[in-house]
C-alpha cells in the first residue's frame, strides 16, 4: 500500500499487534459436544457456559452455542402456545 500524498510504501501492521489463530475443533470434539447435549440439565449449563461465560472458547463453538440457545427458546415458546391451544380445544370439545 502506498501513501496517496508522497507515494512511499506504508507498512501494513495488524491492528492488535499479534494475529491470533482460530482454534478449530476436530470431528471427535464436536461429536463429544453433541453427545453432551443429550444429558438433561448438563446441556443447558454447557451452552450458557460456552456462549457467555468462557473466554477460552473458539468463535465457531460460541456461535453454535448461542444459536442452540435461540432454538431452545423458540421451541419452548412453541410448546407453551401449543399446550394452551390444546387445553382450549379440549375444553371446547368436552365442555370443561
N, C-alpha and C. Protein backbone atom coordinates (compact mmCIF):
# COMPACT_ATOMS: atom_id res chain seq x y z
N UNK A 1 0.85 -1.17 0.00
CA UNK A 1 0.00 0.00 0.00
C UNK A 1 0.90 1.24 0.00
N UNK A 2 0.49 2.23 -0.73
CA UNK A 2 1.30 3.44 -0.85
C UNK A 2 0.55 4.65 -0.31
N UNK A 3 1.34 5.59 0.18
CA UNK A 3 0.78 6.84 0.69
C UNK A 3 0.24 7.65 -0.49
N UNK A 4 -1.01 8.15 -0.41
CA UNK A 4 -1.56 8.92 -1.52
C UNK A 4 -0.86 10.27 -1.70
N UNK A 5 -0.21 10.80 -0.66
CA UNK A 5 0.43 12.12 -0.74
C UNK A 5 1.84 12.05 -1.30
N UNK A 6 2.68 11.14 -0.75
CA UNK A 6 4.09 11.13 -1.14
C UNK A 6 4.47 9.92 -1.99
N UNK A 7 3.66 8.87 -2.02
CA UNK A 7 3.95 7.70 -2.84
C UNK A 7 4.84 6.67 -2.18
N UNK A 8 5.26 6.91 -0.93
CA UNK A 8 6.09 5.94 -0.21
C UNK A 8 5.24 4.74 0.23
N UNK A 9 5.92 3.59 0.36
CA UNK A 9 5.22 2.39 0.84
C UNK A 9 4.87 2.54 2.31
N UNK A 10 3.66 2.13 2.66
CA UNK A 10 3.19 2.14 4.03
C UNK A 10 3.21 0.70 4.53
N UNK A 11 3.94 0.44 5.64
CA UNK A 11 3.95 -0.93 6.16
C UNK A 11 2.57 -1.29 6.74
N UNK A 12 2.13 -2.49 6.43
CA UNK A 12 0.83 -2.96 6.92
C UNK A 12 1.06 -3.74 8.20
N UNK A 13 0.46 -3.28 9.28
CA UNK A 13 0.61 -3.92 10.58
C UNK A 13 -0.76 -4.39 11.05
N UNK A 14 -0.79 -5.51 11.76
CA UNK A 14 -2.07 -5.92 12.37
C UNK A 14 -2.49 -4.90 13.42
N UNK A 15 -3.78 -4.69 13.54
CA UNK A 15 -4.29 -3.68 14.47
C UNK A 15 -4.01 -4.03 15.92
N UNK A 16 -4.12 -5.30 16.28
CA UNK A 16 -3.96 -5.67 17.68
C UNK A 16 -2.52 -6.01 18.03
N UNK A 17 -1.60 -5.92 17.09
CA UNK A 17 -0.22 -6.23 17.38
C UNK A 17 0.13 -7.66 17.02
N UNK A 18 -0.67 -8.61 17.45
CA UNK A 18 -0.44 -10.02 17.15
C UNK A 18 -1.67 -10.60 16.50
N UNK A 19 -1.45 -11.43 15.53
CA UNK A 19 -2.56 -12.10 14.87
C UNK A 19 -2.79 -13.42 15.58
N UNK A 20 -3.98 -13.59 16.13
CA UNK A 20 -4.29 -14.84 16.81
C UNK A 20 -4.92 -15.80 15.82
N UNK A 21 -4.47 -17.04 15.89
CA UNK A 21 -5.04 -18.05 15.02
C UNK A 21 -6.29 -18.62 15.67
N UNK A 22 -7.29 -18.89 14.85
CA UNK A 22 -8.52 -19.50 15.33
C UNK A 22 -8.25 -20.95 15.70
N UNK A 23 -8.92 -21.40 16.78
CA UNK A 23 -8.82 -22.80 17.16
C UNK A 23 -9.92 -23.56 16.44
N UNK A 24 -9.55 -24.62 15.76
CA UNK A 24 -10.52 -25.46 15.10
C UNK A 24 -10.61 -26.78 15.83
N UNK A 25 -11.83 -27.26 16.01
CA UNK A 25 -12.05 -28.50 16.74
C UNK A 25 -12.17 -29.66 15.77
N UNK A 26 -11.68 -30.79 16.21
CA UNK A 26 -11.77 -31.99 15.38
C UNK A 26 -13.19 -32.52 15.40
N UNK A 27 -13.44 -33.49 14.54
CA UNK A 27 -14.77 -34.09 14.46
C UNK A 27 -15.12 -34.79 15.77
N UNK A 28 -14.14 -35.40 16.43
CA UNK A 28 -14.42 -36.09 17.69
C UNK A 28 -14.80 -35.11 18.80
N UNK A 29 -14.21 -33.93 18.80
CA UNK A 29 -14.59 -32.93 19.82
C UNK A 29 -16.02 -32.45 19.59
N UNK A 30 -16.40 -32.26 18.31
CA UNK A 30 -17.77 -31.87 18.01
C UNK A 30 -18.73 -32.99 18.37
N UNK A 31 -18.35 -34.24 18.10
CA UNK A 31 -19.19 -35.37 18.46
C UNK A 31 -19.37 -35.44 19.97
N UNK A 32 -18.30 -35.20 20.72
CA UNK A 32 -18.41 -35.17 22.18
C UNK A 32 -19.34 -34.07 22.66
N UNK A 33 -19.25 -32.90 22.04
CA UNK A 33 -20.13 -31.79 22.42
C UNK A 33 -21.58 -32.14 22.13
N UNK A 34 -21.83 -32.77 20.98
CA UNK A 34 -23.21 -33.15 20.64
C UNK A 34 -23.74 -34.23 21.58
N UNK A 35 -22.89 -35.17 21.97
CA UNK A 35 -23.32 -36.21 22.92
C UNK A 35 -23.63 -35.61 24.29
N UNK A 36 -22.88 -34.60 24.70
CA UNK A 36 -23.17 -33.94 25.97
C UNK A 36 -24.52 -33.22 25.94
N UNK A 37 -24.98 -32.84 24.77
CA UNK A 37 -26.27 -32.16 24.65
C UNK A 37 -27.44 -33.10 24.93
N UNK A 38 -27.21 -34.42 24.95
CA UNK A 38 -28.28 -35.37 25.25
C UNK A 38 -28.52 -35.53 26.75
N UNK A 39 -27.65 -35.01 27.59
CA UNK A 39 -27.79 -35.15 29.04
C UNK A 39 -28.61 -33.96 29.55
N UNK A 40 -29.81 -34.24 30.09
CA UNK A 40 -30.66 -33.14 30.56
C UNK A 40 -29.98 -32.34 31.67
N UNK A 41 -30.11 -31.05 31.61
CA UNK A 41 -29.52 -30.17 32.60
C UNK A 41 -28.09 -29.78 32.23
N UNK A 42 -27.29 -30.78 31.91
CA UNK A 42 -25.90 -30.51 31.52
C UNK A 42 -25.86 -29.71 30.23
N UNK A 43 -26.78 -30.02 29.31
CA UNK A 43 -26.78 -29.32 28.02
C UNK A 43 -27.00 -27.82 28.19
N UNK A 44 -27.93 -27.44 29.02
CA UNK A 44 -28.22 -26.01 29.20
C UNK A 44 -27.04 -25.31 29.88
N UNK A 45 -26.48 -25.97 30.90
CA UNK A 45 -25.34 -25.39 31.61
C UNK A 45 -24.16 -25.20 30.66
N UNK A 46 -23.86 -26.21 29.86
CA UNK A 46 -22.74 -26.11 28.92
C UNK A 46 -22.98 -25.05 27.85
N UNK A 47 -24.20 -24.98 27.34
CA UNK A 47 -24.48 -23.97 26.31
C UNK A 47 -24.31 -22.56 26.84
N UNK A 48 -24.81 -22.31 28.05
CA UNK A 48 -24.65 -20.98 28.65
C UNK A 48 -23.17 -20.70 28.92
N UNK A 49 -22.45 -21.74 29.40
CA UNK A 49 -21.02 -21.57 29.67
C UNK A 49 -20.26 -21.24 28.39
N UNK A 50 -20.49 -22.02 27.34
CA UNK A 50 -19.78 -21.79 26.08
C UNK A 50 -20.19 -20.47 25.43
N UNK A 51 -21.45 -20.08 25.56
CA UNK A 51 -21.93 -18.88 24.87
C UNK A 51 -21.54 -17.59 25.58
N UNK A 52 -21.59 -17.57 26.91
CA UNK A 52 -21.47 -16.29 27.61
C UNK A 52 -20.37 -16.21 28.65
N UNK A 53 -19.95 -17.32 29.24
CA UNK A 53 -19.03 -17.26 30.37
C UNK A 53 -17.58 -17.47 29.96
N UNK A 54 -17.31 -18.54 29.23
CA UNK A 54 -15.94 -18.92 28.92
C UNK A 54 -15.32 -17.97 27.89
N UNK A 55 -14.10 -17.55 28.17
CA UNK A 55 -13.36 -16.69 27.25
C UNK A 55 -12.42 -17.52 26.37
N UNK A 56 -12.25 -18.80 26.71
CA UNK A 56 -11.30 -19.65 26.00
C UNK A 56 -12.01 -20.62 25.06
N UNK A 57 -13.08 -20.16 24.43
CA UNK A 57 -13.86 -21.00 23.52
C UNK A 57 -13.72 -20.42 22.12
N UNK A 58 -13.60 -21.30 21.14
CA UNK A 58 -13.47 -20.82 19.76
C UNK A 58 -14.76 -20.12 19.32
N UNK A 59 -14.61 -19.28 18.33
CA UNK A 59 -15.74 -18.48 17.85
C UNK A 59 -16.85 -19.37 17.27
N UNK A 60 -16.46 -20.45 16.58
CA UNK A 60 -17.48 -21.31 15.99
C UNK A 60 -18.29 -22.04 17.05
N UNK A 61 -17.65 -22.48 18.14
CA UNK A 61 -18.40 -23.14 19.21
C UNK A 61 -19.28 -22.13 19.95
N UNK A 62 -18.79 -20.91 20.15
CA UNK A 62 -19.58 -19.88 20.81
C UNK A 62 -20.83 -19.54 19.99
N UNK A 63 -20.66 -19.37 18.68
CA UNK A 63 -21.81 -19.08 17.81
C UNK A 63 -22.79 -20.24 17.78
N UNK A 64 -22.27 -21.47 17.76
CA UNK A 64 -23.13 -22.65 17.78
C UNK A 64 -23.93 -22.70 19.09
N UNK A 65 -23.30 -22.38 20.21
CA UNK A 65 -23.99 -22.39 21.50
C UNK A 65 -25.08 -21.32 21.54
N UNK A 66 -24.80 -20.14 21.03
CA UNK A 66 -25.81 -19.07 21.01
C UNK A 66 -26.98 -19.47 20.11
N UNK A 67 -26.68 -20.04 18.95
CA UNK A 67 -27.75 -20.49 18.05
C UNK A 67 -28.58 -21.59 18.69
N UNK A 68 -27.95 -22.50 19.41
CA UNK A 68 -28.68 -23.57 20.08
C UNK A 68 -29.60 -23.02 21.17
N UNK A 69 -29.13 -22.03 21.90
CA UNK A 69 -29.97 -21.41 22.93
C UNK A 69 -31.17 -20.74 22.28
N UNK A 70 -30.97 -20.06 21.17
CA UNK A 70 -32.09 -19.42 20.47
C UNK A 70 -33.10 -20.46 20.01
N UNK A 71 -32.62 -21.58 19.46
CA UNK A 71 -33.53 -22.64 19.02
C UNK A 71 -34.30 -23.21 20.20
N UNK A 72 -33.63 -23.44 21.35
CA UNK A 72 -34.32 -23.95 22.54
C UNK A 72 -35.42 -23.00 22.99
N UNK A 73 -35.14 -21.70 22.99
CA UNK A 73 -36.14 -20.72 23.42
C UNK A 73 -37.34 -20.73 22.47
N UNK A 74 -37.09 -20.80 21.17
CA UNK A 74 -38.19 -20.84 20.20
C UNK A 74 -39.03 -22.09 20.39
N UNK A 75 -38.39 -23.24 20.61
CA UNK A 75 -39.13 -24.49 20.81
C UNK A 75 -39.96 -24.43 22.08
N UNK A 76 -39.42 -23.89 23.16
CA UNK A 76 -40.16 -23.78 24.41
C UNK A 76 -41.38 -22.88 24.23
N UNK A 77 -41.21 -21.75 23.55
CA UNK A 77 -42.35 -20.85 23.31
C UNK A 77 -43.42 -21.55 22.47
N UNK A 78 -43.01 -22.27 21.43
CA UNK A 78 -43.98 -23.01 20.60
C UNK A 78 -44.71 -24.09 21.40
N UNK A 79 -44.00 -24.78 22.28
CA UNK A 79 -44.65 -25.81 23.10
C UNK A 79 -45.67 -25.20 24.06
N UNK A 80 -45.35 -24.05 24.63
CA UNK A 80 -46.30 -23.39 25.53
C UNK A 80 -47.54 -22.96 24.76
N UNK A 81 -47.36 -22.40 23.58
CA UNK A 81 -48.51 -21.99 22.76
C UNK A 81 -49.35 -23.19 22.38
N UNK A 82 -48.72 -24.29 21.95
CA UNK A 82 -49.46 -25.50 21.59
C UNK A 82 -50.20 -26.08 22.78
N UNK A 83 -49.60 -26.05 23.96
CA UNK A 83 -50.26 -26.56 25.16
C UNK A 83 -51.56 -25.80 25.41
N UNK A 84 -51.51 -24.48 25.38
CA UNK A 84 -52.71 -23.70 25.64
C UNK A 84 -53.75 -23.86 24.53
N UNK A 85 -53.29 -24.08 23.30
CA UNK A 85 -54.24 -24.33 22.22
C UNK A 85 -54.97 -25.65 22.43
N UNK A 86 -54.25 -26.70 22.83
CA UNK A 86 -54.89 -27.99 23.07
C UNK A 86 -55.81 -27.96 24.29
N UNK A 87 -55.43 -27.24 25.33
CA UNK A 87 -56.30 -27.11 26.51
C UNK A 87 -57.59 -26.41 26.11
N UNK A 88 -57.50 -25.35 25.33
CA UNK A 88 -58.70 -24.64 24.89
C UNK A 88 -59.55 -25.53 23.99
N UNK A 89 -58.92 -26.31 23.12
CA UNK A 89 -59.65 -27.20 22.23
C UNK A 89 -60.39 -28.29 23.01
N UNK A 90 -59.73 -28.90 23.99
CA UNK A 90 -60.38 -29.94 24.79
C UNK A 90 -61.51 -29.37 25.64
N UNK A 91 -61.32 -28.17 26.17
CA UNK A 91 -62.39 -27.54 26.94
C UNK A 91 -63.60 -27.25 26.07
N UNK A 92 -63.37 -26.86 24.84
CA UNK A 92 -64.48 -26.57 23.94
C UNK A 92 -65.17 -27.87 23.50
N UNK A 93 -64.39 -28.91 23.22
CA UNK A 93 -64.97 -30.17 22.76
C UNK A 93 -65.73 -30.90 23.85
N UNK A 94 -65.19 -30.92 25.05
CA UNK A 94 -65.78 -31.72 26.12
C UNK A 94 -66.52 -30.87 27.15
N UNK A 95 -66.69 -29.62 26.89
CA UNK A 95 -67.49 -28.74 27.75
C UNK A 95 -66.90 -28.53 29.12
N UNK A 96 -65.58 -28.52 29.22
CA UNK A 96 -64.91 -28.40 30.52
C UNK A 96 -64.81 -27.03 30.96
